[in-house]
Amino acid sequence: MEERRKAAPPAGLSRPGDPAGRALSAALSNPAAQVESLGDRGDPEAVHRARVAARRLLAVLQTASASMTPARRRRLDRYSGALGKFVKSLGRARDLDVALQYVAEVDRSELQRSQIAGIERLALRMGQERESLQTRVMEAVELLRSSKTIQGLSSIARPPAGKAPSMKEGRHARLSPGAGRAIREALVPLASLDGPLSREDDREGQHSARIAIKKARYALEPFEDALPSIAAERLALLRRLQTLLGSIHDRDVWIDRLASFRVREAERSERFNGTAKPFARILPGIEYMERRMASERRRAFRKLLSEWRRAARKGFPGDLIEAVGRPGTPPGAGAPVEET
């Protein structure tokens, strides 16, 4: 007699052998601590770590929600929305933290005094703006805390009583069909990246490519044990591509920032001094930074193009999309996990 299908547990997502449940539980272990560290202005990486932890959690939520009941998915969507707003609200502060750290590390030993003066003025203005944003950062923290988003997600991810997932059972378990579809959907945009990654001046395309690669990476990483072995190999490639595209993006942000800084400082000089002469004294520093950013962007793009072409010759990204989309059980996989 055929064994009856077990009913879904009344609460929680995780269960023994469920990769989506394990990934969600693991992703939830980090954001709370990172959010609480945002009050420390002495740590320039605090905002970055909080955003990364939240983004990783969002990626897992998107995959895990595909295996949930409609009611539980609606709860998850509400919390995901709050988390997404939190990530977005920290973007400007993160950009300034990166820029301030970069300026602090610029070697001034062989620069002219006028160049140093321009760089110091730039650092001063960015520091003032960053300080003004700290209140918004803490408001975002308080809003996330008061929404009880992390606690709510934890209650969804909590396994049923007596059913705590074990790593031994979970390793190599198969993803549910819904979770597998969600991962494949995150990989599909990789197939259209050849154009922007082959054109040096395609800033908008490279920005979109960076986001697509980041989403693909975050979709794959928590489920690496439940995916074909090629996923691990291609994850290393995705990390390298993301790093190079991140470097290019940072230089693009810098180029825009310097253009805006030129205009604002010239206007400030005219307004307070009635002449542009004070601005002329710091202009060499701005021009030095503009040349430096343009040069660093060209170098980063050449490395990106080389990495991309080498990967394309080996069949990427088609090989990864095909392998993840291929039906069947990975080596050592256990029984399929039922959808909830």
Protein backbone atom coordinates (compact mmCIF):
# COMPACT_ATOMS: atom_id res chain seq x y z
CA MET A 1 0.00 0.00 0.00
CA GLU A 2 1.38 3.40 -0.96
CA GLU A 3 2.56 5.44 2.00
CA ARG A 4 0.51 8.59 2.54
CA ARG A 5 2.19 11.96 1.98
CA LYS A 6 2.98 13.66 5.27
CA ALA A 7 1.23 16.93 6.03
CA ALA A 8 3.26 20.11 6.22
CA PRO A 9 4.29 21.14 9.75
CA PRO A 10 1.98 23.73 11.29
CA ALA A 11 4.66 26.35 11.82
CA GLY A 12 8.17 27.12 10.72
CA LEU A 13 10.03 26.37 7.54
CA SER A 14 13.02 24.28 8.59
CA ARG A 15 12.88 20.53 8.84
CA PRO A 16 15.49 17.74 8.69
CA GLY A 17 17.24 17.67 5.33
CA ASP A 18 15.62 20.89 4.04
CA PRO A 19 18.35 23.05 2.44
CA ALA A 20 16.06 26.09 2.26
CA GLY A 21 15.24 25.87 5.95
CA ARG A 22 18.87 25.42 6.96
CA ALA A 23 19.94 28.32 4.74
CA LEU A 24 17.31 30.64 6.18
CA SER A 25 18.20 29.74 9.76
CA ALA A 26 21.90 30.34 9.01
CA ALA A 27 21.22 33.65 7.25
CA LEU A 28 19.20 34.86 10.24
CA SER A 29 22.10 34.34 12.63
CA ASN A 30 24.08 37.35 11.38
CA PRO A 31 21.95 40.45 10.62
CA ALA A 32 20.87 41.24 14.19
CA ALA A 33 24.45 41.56 15.46
CA GLN A 34 25.51 43.58 12.42
CA VAL A 35 22.58 45.97 12.79
CA GLU A 36 23.44 46.64 16.43
CA SER A 37 27.04 47.52 15.45
CA LEU A 38 25.91 50.46 13.30
CA GLY A 39 26.16 52.87 16.20
CA ASP A 40 29.95 52.46 16.20
CA ARG A 41 31.31 55.30 14.00
CA GLY A 42 34.84 54.05 14.67
CA ASP A 43 34.19 51.00 12.49
CA PRO A 44 34.10 52.02 8.79
CA GLU A 45 33.00 48.52 7.76
CA ALA A 46 29.94 48.36 10.05
CA VAL A 47 27.49 49.67 7.43
CA HIS A 48 28.94 47.40 4.77
CA ARG A 49 28.62 44.28 6.92
CA ALA A 50 25.04 45.12 7.88
CA ARG A 51 24.03 45.65 4.24
CA VAL A 52 25.72 42.43 3.10
CA ALA A 53 24.10 40.40 5.88
CA ALA A 54 20.67 41.86 5.04
CA ARG A 55 21.13 41.29 1.29
CA ARG A 56 22.17 37.68 1.83
CA LEU A 57 19.10 37.18 3.98
CA LEU A 58 16.87 38.72 1.30
CA ALA A 59 18.31 36.34 -1.30
CA VAL A 60 17.60 33.31 0.90
CA LEU A 61 14.10 34.59 1.63
CA GLN A 62 13.32 34.82 -2.07
CA THR A 63 14.35 31.21 -2.60
CA ALA A 64 12.75 29.88 0.58
CA SER A 65 9.42 31.60 -0.12
CA ALA A 66 8.95 29.47 -3.25
CA SER A 67 8.44 26.44 -0.95
CA MET A 68 5.94 28.09 1.40
CA THR A 69 2.20 28.17 1.70
CA PRO A 70 0.54 31.38 0.43
CA ALA A 71 -0.23 32.56 3.97
CA ARG A 72 3.34 32.11 5.15
CA ARG A 73 4.65 33.71 1.95
CA ARG A 74 2.59 36.84 2.64
CA ARG A 75 4.17 37.13 6.09
CA LEU A 76 7.58 36.70 4.56
CA ASP A 77 6.94 39.34 1.90
CA ARG A 78 6.01 41.87 4.58
CA TYR A 79 9.27 41.31 6.44
CA SER A 80 11.28 41.26 3.21
CA GLY A 81 9.90 44.69 2.32
CA ALA A 82 11.08 46.14 5.62
CA LEU A 83 14.51 44.57 5.15
CA GLY A 84 14.80 45.93 1.60
CA LYS A 85 14.03 49.48 2.80
CA PHE A 86 16.70 49.10 5.47
CA VAL A 87 19.35 48.11 2.91
CA LYS A 88 18.43 51.00 0.61
CA SER A 89 18.52 53.56 3.40
CA LEU A 90 22.18 52.75 4.15
CA GLY A 91 23.44 53.10 0.56
CA ARG A 92 24.70 56.68 0.70
CA ALA A 93 26.41 56.20 4.06
CA ARG A 94 28.19 53.11 2.73
CA ASP A 95 29.41 54.97 -0.38
CA LEU A 96 30.89 57.72 1.80
CA ASP A 97 32.54 55.23 4.17
CA VAL A 98 34.27 53.60 1.18
CA ALA A 99 35.34 56.97 -0.23
CA LEU A 100 36.70 58.26 3.08
CA GLN A 101 38.69 55.08 3.61
CA TYR A 102 40.09 55.35 0.08
CA VAL A 103 41.18 58.99 0.55
CA ALA A 104 42.82 58.15 3.88
CA GLU A 105 44.98 55.55 2.13
CA VAL A 106 46.14 57.80 -0.74
CA ASP A 107 49.94 58.15 -0.58
CA ARG A 108 50.63 61.87 -0.34
CA SER A 109 54.42 61.64 -0.11
CA GLU A 110 55.04 62.52 -3.77
CA LEU A 111 52.11 64.87 -4.34
CA GLN A 112 52.33 68.63 -4.69
CA ARG A 113 50.97 70.84 -1.92
CA SER A 114 48.11 72.05 -4.12
CA GLN A 115 47.14 68.43 -4.86
CA ILE A 116 47.19 67.55 -1.18
CA ALA A 117 45.09 70.64 -0.39
CA GLY A 118 42.43 69.52 -2.86
CA ILE A 119 42.33 66.00 -1.47
CA GLU A 120 42.08 67.28 2.10
CA ARG A 121 39.20 69.59 1.17
CA LEU A 122 37.43 66.69 -0.50
CA ALA A 123 37.90 64.53 2.61
CA LEU A 124 36.59 67.36 4.80
CA ARG A 125 33.37 67.75 2.80
CA MET A 126 32.75 64.01 2.61
CA GLY A 127 33.36 63.66 6.35
CA GLN A 128 30.86 66.43 7.07
CA GLU A 129 28.24 64.76 4.89
CA ARG A 130 28.86 61.37 6.49
CA GLU A 131 28.39 62.79 9.97
CA SER A 132 25.10 64.35 8.90
CA LEU A 133 23.91 60.93 7.67
CA GLN A 134 24.57 59.08 10.93
CA THR A 135 21.26 60.21 12.36
CA ARG A 136 19.48 58.64 9.38
CA VAL A 137 21.48 55.45 9.83
CA MET A 138 20.35 55.14 13.44
CA GLU A 139 16.77 55.99 12.46
CA ALA A 140 16.90 53.11 9.96
CA VAL A 141 18.19 50.81 12.72
CA GLU A 142 15.41 51.86 15.06
CA LEU A 143 12.76 51.41 12.35
CA LEU A 144 13.99 47.90 11.59
CA ARG A 145 14.15 47.06 15.29
CA SER A 146 10.64 48.37 15.99
CA SER A 147 9.23 46.43 13.03
CA LYS A 148 10.43 43.21 14.70
CA THR A 149 11.51 41.98 11.27
CA ILE A 150 14.35 39.74 12.48
CA GLN A 151 12.19 38.23 15.22
CA GLY A 152 9.34 37.62 12.81
CA LEU A 153 11.60 35.92 10.29
CA SER A 154 13.07 33.78 13.05
CA SER A 155 9.60 32.54 13.99
CA ILE A 156 8.95 31.54 10.37
CA ALA A 157 12.29 29.74 10.10
CA ARG A 158 11.96 27.94 13.45
CA PRO A 159 11.61 24.16 12.94
CA PRO A 160 8.65 22.28 14.45
CA ALA A 161 9.14 20.91 17.96
CA GLY A 162 11.32 17.84 17.98
CA LYS A 163 12.29 18.33 14.33
CA ALA A 164 15.48 20.34 14.57
CA PRO A 165 17.43 19.97 11.34
CA SER A 166 20.79 18.26 11.55
CA MET A 167 23.73 19.11 9.33
CA LYS A 168 24.33 15.42 8.72
CA GLU A 169 20.83 14.91 7.34
CA GLY A 170 20.77 18.26 5.53
CA ARG A 171 24.00 17.97 3.59
CA HIS A 172 23.38 16.99 -0.05
CA ALA A 173 19.60 17.00 0.41
CA ARG A 174 17.67 17.97 -2.69
CA LEU A 175 16.04 21.34 -2.99
CA SER A 176 12.29 21.47 -3.29
CA PRO A 177 11.07 22.16 -6.85
CA GLY A 178 10.00 25.67 -5.84
CA ALA A 179 13.39 26.55 -4.36
CA GLY A 180 15.16 25.11 -7.40
CA ARG A 181 13.05 27.25 -9.72
CA ALA A 182 13.83 30.38 -7.70
CA ILE A 183 17.57 29.73 -7.98
CA ARG A 184 17.36 29.11 -11.73
CA GLU A 185 15.44 32.36 -12.18
CA ALA A 186 18.27 34.22 -10.44
CA LEU A 187 20.77 32.71 -12.90
CA VAL A 188 18.93 33.46 -16.16
CA PRO A 189 20.06 37.15 -16.37
CA LEU A 190 23.68 35.95 -16.53
CA ALA A 191 23.06 34.80 -20.10
CA SER A 192 22.69 38.40 -21.35
CA LEU A 193 25.82 39.96 -19.83
CA ASP A 194 28.24 39.61 -22.73
CA GLY A 195 27.37 43.02 -24.19
CA PRO A 196 27.93 45.24 -21.14
CA LEU A 197 30.96 43.24 -20.01
CA SER A 198 32.58 43.71 -23.43
CA ARG A 199 32.01 47.49 -23.77
CA GLU A 200 34.19 49.64 -21.57
CA ASP A 201 31.94 52.71 -21.69
CA ASP A 202 28.69 50.88 -20.85
CA ARG A 203 28.39 52.16 -17.28
CA GLU A 204 24.68 51.45 -16.94
CA GLY A 205 25.04 47.95 -18.35
CA GLN A 206 27.94 47.15 -16.03
CA HIS A 207 25.97 48.42 -13.05
CA SER A 208 23.09 46.09 -13.99
CA ALA A 209 25.56 43.24 -14.54
CA ARG A 210 27.02 43.75 -11.06
CA ILE A 211 23.56 43.47 -9.52
CA ALA A 212 22.70 40.37 -11.59
CA ILE A 213 25.95 38.64 -10.61
CA LYS A 214 25.48 39.57 -6.96
CA LYS A 215 21.93 38.15 -6.96
CA ALA A 216 23.11 34.96 -8.66
CA ARG A 217 25.92 34.53 -6.16
CA TYR A 218 23.68 35.13 -3.15
CA ALA A 219 21.08 32.74 -4.57
CA LEU A 220 23.65 29.94 -4.98
CA GLU A 221 25.86 30.29 -1.90
CA PRO A 222 23.45 29.12 0.83
CA PHE A 223 22.49 26.03 -1.18
CA GLU A 224 25.91 24.97 -2.47
CA ASP A 225 25.71 21.53 -0.80
CA ALA A 226 22.42 20.78 -2.55
CA LEU A 227 23.59 21.82 -6.04
CA PRO A 228 25.75 20.14 -8.71
CA SER A 229 29.51 20.38 -8.14
CA ILE A 230 29.92 22.92 -10.95
CA ALA A 231 28.05 25.43 -8.75
CA ALA A 232 31.02 25.62 -6.37
CA GLU A 233 33.45 26.21 -9.24
CA ARG A 234 31.29 28.91 -10.78
CA LEU A 235 30.69 30.56 -7.41
CA ALA A 236 34.40 31.35 -7.23
CA LEU A 237 34.13 32.95 -10.67
CA LEU A 238 31.04 34.95 -9.67
CA ARG A 239 32.91 36.32 -6.66
CA ARG A 240 35.82 37.46 -8.85
CA LEU A 241 33.48 39.09 -11.36
CA GLN A 242 31.54 40.82 -8.59
CA THR A 243 34.76 42.17 -7.06
CA LEU A 244 35.94 43.60 -10.40
CA LEU A 245 32.53 45.09 -11.20
CA GLY A 246 32.41 46.52 -7.68
CA SER A 247 35.75 48.22 -8.27
CA ILE A 248 34.46 49.67 -11.55
CA HIS A 249 31.26 50.84 -9.86
CA ASP A 250 33.22 52.54 -7.05
CA ARG A 251 35.26 54.46 -9.65
CA ASP A 252 32.10 55.49 -11.49
CA VAL A 253 30.68 56.81 -8.21
CA TRP A 254 33.95 58.66 -7.63
CA ILE A 255 33.90 60.23 -11.10
CA ASP A 256 30.38 61.55 -10.51
CA ARG A 257 31.28 62.71 -7.01
CA LEU A 258 34.30 64.67 -8.25
CA ALA A 259 32.29 66.37 -11.00
CA SER A 260 29.70 67.44 -8.44
CA PHE A 261 32.40 68.52 -5.97
CA ARG A 262 33.96 70.79 -8.63
CA VAL A 263 30.70 72.64 -9.12
CA ARG A 264 29.79 72.96 -5.44
CA GLU A 265 33.22 74.15 -4.31
CA ALA A 266 33.47 76.72 -7.13
CA GLU A 267 30.04 78.08 -6.16
CA ARG A 268 31.00 78.12 -2.49
CA SER A 269 34.17 80.08 -3.31
CA GLU A 270 32.24 82.67 -5.30
CA ARG A 271 29.55 82.98 -2.64
CA PHE A 272 31.82 83.44 0.36
CA ASN A 273 34.83 85.14 -1.25
CA GLY A 274 33.39 86.88 -4.27
CA THR A 275 36.03 85.21 -6.42
CA ALA A 276 37.03 81.76 -7.68
CA LYS A 277 40.68 82.16 -6.67
CA PRO A 278 40.41 80.07 -3.46
CA PHE A 279 38.86 77.27 -5.52
CA ALA A 280 41.77 77.43 -7.98
CA ARG A 281 44.13 76.54 -5.13
CA ILE A 282 42.46 73.15 -4.58
CA LEU A 283 41.69 72.38 -8.23
CA PRO A 284 44.95 70.40 -8.81
CA GLY A 285 43.87 67.92 -6.16
CA ILE A 286 40.52 67.38 -7.84
CA GLU A 287 42.19 66.92 -11.24
CA TYR A 288 44.64 64.43 -9.71
CA MET A 289 41.78 62.35 -8.31
CA GLU A 290 39.91 62.48 -11.63
CA ARG A 291 42.95 61.13 -13.51
CA ARG A 292 43.51 58.48 -10.87
CA MET A 293 39.93 57.23 -11.00
CA ALA A 294 39.86 57.10 -14.79
CA SER A 295 43.12 55.12 -14.83
CA GLU A 296 41.98 52.68 -12.13
CA ARG A 297 38.69 52.12 -13.94
CA ARG A 298 40.48 51.24 -17.18
CA ARG A 299 42.70 48.73 -15.39
CA ALA A 300 39.75 47.12 -13.60
CA PHE A 301 37.82 46.83 -16.87
CA ARG A 302 40.74 45.13 -18.65
CA LYS A 303 40.90 42.55 -15.86
CA LEU A 304 37.13 42.09 -16.03
CA LEU A 305 37.14 41.59 -19.79
CA SER A 306 39.94 39.03 -19.54
CA GLU A 307 38.15 37.11 -16.77
CA TRP A 308 34.84 37.16 -18.64
CA ARG A 309 36.27 36.00 -21.95
CA ARG A 310 38.19 33.18 -20.29
CA ALA A 311 35.01 32.02 -18.54
CA ALA A 312 32.96 32.30 -21.75
CA ARG A 313 35.42 30.06 -23.59
CA LYS A 314 34.74 27.42 -20.94
CA GLY A 315 30.99 27.63 -21.46
CA PHE A 316 29.94 30.06 -18.74
CA PRO A 317 27.24 30.98 -17.89
CA GLY A 318 25.35 28.42 -19.98
CA ASP A 319 27.04 25.49 -18.24
CA LEU A 320 25.94 26.71 -14.81
CA ILE A 321 22.36 27.50 -15.86
CA GLU A 322 22.05 24.10 -17.54
CA ALA A 323 23.51 22.18 -14.60
CA VAL A 324 21.29 23.86 -12.01
CA GLY A 325 18.25 23.44 -14.24
CA ARG A 326 18.95 19.79 -15.00
CA PRO A 327 16.50 17.40 -13.31
CA GLY A 328 17.88 14.68 -11.10
CA THR A 329 19.62 14.29 -7.81
CA PRO A 330 23.18 15.49 -7.16
CA PRO A 331 25.71 12.85 -6.09
CA GLY A 332 24.99 11.73 -2.55
CA ALA A 333 21.59 13.43 -2.46
CA GLY A 334 18.89 12.24 -0.14
CA ALA A 335 15.18 11.94 -0.75
CA PRO A 336 13.36 14.95 -2.18
CA VAL A 337 12.07 17.42 0.37
CA GLU A 338 8.33 18.06 0.28
CA GLU A 339 7.12 21.59 -0.39
CA THR A 340 5.25 23.35 2.39
